[in-house]
Every structure is written in structure tokens, then in C-alpha cells.
Amino acid sequence: MIGLGDVKQLLTQADDHTLSLYLLVDPSVRENQASPPAWRIWLKNALKTAERDLQEPQRAAWPGIRERVEALLQTYAPDAKSLALFFGVDWETIYRLPVPVENRLMFGQPLLTPLLWAIDEYKPYLVTMVDAEKAHFITAYLGSAGHQDTLTLEIDTDDWREKTMRATSGAADKLVQRSARDDFEDRVEVHTERFYREVAGRIEEMMQAHKIGRLFIGGSEEAAHDVRRQLPEKAARGVVDVQPIPMRSTPNEVLNHILPKALEYERQQEMALVEAIINQAKGGGRGALGREAVLAALDQQRVEMVVAPWPLNDAELMAQLPLRALEANAALELVHGEAAARLKAEGGLAARLYYAV
């Protein structure tokens, strides 16, 4: 799982002689089914353009970096939708991304915005598939999903003796037999409720262990709602939706079920965030609007979170904003759709501040 810590680690290696390269290598894209694929043609041209535009201090480092990039990709067979590659004079870092990114190349300071967008757009989710007998736990991240764990309800009924074993027709015996069935069903219900509490506890453990703040519950609708009622308060706040997803679904099928709702939820969260910051800024609170005000607040170390529209059409801002934010220990949130349009109408950049001035 790629996180902000990985990006910060990357920055400890990067300098002004870093090649940042994003490639859409997805073989399902029609242009990539040609020979050679479109991404190889784009890369060849982009490397030529970058070499032509080199500044004098960059020329010594360029040939070795270019040679290593070309050697790495010469025989590369796509095993992801996209690649994010960072090459320095004596180091390299490669991320295989299961989401599409636009082809980009930059030589100089590292270009982090597309990588941060992918991390931000596809936040980690926990999906719990549960029925009365078992529970599957699936993590979904960066547009892919994988099975992590399974719990199974095991009930040993061998020692649950029937209150009566006689085959009689008397009313009293029928009453005893009915009482025995009720007792059996009550015991099953107790074990099932205990199982749901165990599932809820495992959800809390996994959300904490994997630093996941968003949760879907699927499977049997009745079981899913029972588990939701058993969740501790913090885990319950992370529930995005309860959906009747068939237990037999594969992780990828589960992902296809939840992805539309997950993206809708992200858009709603983004709009709420943008509106809150705008209201704070206009009310003289912990908010800043517009490029000048936000960059000044970053310089003053007052920024908790920078919010910018995606895609960023300003090339300079795209290159510099993540670096400025990370240097100031500020989070960077990239918003889309209506939230991006709302932000652009209010100066194009916003920040949530630690304190107002």
C-alpha cells in the first residue's frame, strides 16, 4: 500500500536531477495494442524533448539516467495499468499502479502530483462480506481488491441433547419437543450474535492495522446490518454503505459493486471539505482562499491541509505545490467535479489552517 510516508521517503533521495515518468501501459487501451504500443512511441518522443530542453547543470546526469530508463523498459511486459517511475543519479523507485494515469515526463525536481492524486482518489477501503456462517474481509485500494481474511461460525451441537427422544403422540410430549426446538434455536441465535460481535471486532482491528477509514459491509443484508449494529463507535463512523453483495463474489466483483458508491462518497466528502474551508475563510476563521493567500500561509507554517482542483492546469503549480505542502508538513487534497468547479470560482486554491490571524 503506497502512502504519504513512501512519498516523503522518495523526497529524501530526490534532487534537481530526478527523472519523473508516468506511463499508461494498460494493454487493454486500444492504442497500446498496436506494435509498438502507443506508450513506447510517446516515451521515445518525450525523452528526446526532455534532452533538447536540458539546462546546462542537468546535462552531466542525464545520459546515465536515460540509459537506465531505456534498459529497464526495453523488454518490459505490462503488469499494471500504469507505472510511476523516479530515477536519480544512483537510485530508482518504481510503483506499479492498477489505475490509469496520464503520460508525463519531467526532469528536475520530482513530479509528485499525479502519484498523490492516485493515492488520494483511491483511498483504502475495507469490505466485509458476512452471512450467518462466515465472514470474508477484503481490502480495496488503488482500484484493486484482494482477500485478506475469513472468519467461520463453528457450532458443535453434539452435546445439545434433545429434551425428549421419545416418539409419542401425547400433548405433553409435543410441548416438550417444541420446547426443545425453541431451546436449540435460542442457542444458535446466541452463537450467531457472538459471531457477529467477533466479526465487528475483527473489522475494528483491521481498520486500525491497515489505517483504513472507510468500510463497506456486504453479503446477507440481515447479517450485514446486525454486524453494523455491533461495531464500535469509531469503526461505525467509517461505514460508507451496506450493500447486498452475493457472498460468492470474487474480490474484483466486490470492487465493481462498491466502486461507484465509493467514488460518489469521495465527491461528497470533497464538496463538504471545500464548502467548510470557504466558509471558514470568509468568516475570518481557519481558512485561506486563492493562490497568494495559500502560498503565504504555507511559508508561515500555518497550513494543515492544502486543497487544489484536479487536474491542475498550471504546470508550475503542479510541480511545486506537493513539494511546498510536504515541506510544511501539510496534507494535500485534490478535488474533482463540482468541488473543483466551486474551488476555481473562489480563487482556485484553498487551505485549512491551524489557526486564524
Foldseek 3Di string as FASTA:
>chain_A
DDDPVVVVVVQVPWFFFKKKWKFQCACVPPQVVDVNRPRVVVVVVVLVVQQVPDDPVRNVQPPVQVVVVCVVPVPDDDPARMKIKMDDSPDIDIDGANDGDDTDIDGTTYQCLRVLCLCQQFPKEWEWADDLFKIWIWIGGRHFIDTDDMDGQDDDCPPLDQPDDDPDDDPVVVVSNVVSVVVVVVVSVVSSLVVLLVVLVVLVVVCVVVVHQAYEYEADQVSSVSSLVNHDPSNNVRYQYYYHDHPPDHGNRVSVVCVVSSSVVSQVVLQVVLVVQVVQVVVQWQKDAADVRVLVCLVVLFFQEKEAEPPDPPPVCSRCVVVSCVVSVHHYHYHYDPSQVVRVVGHGMMTGTPTGD
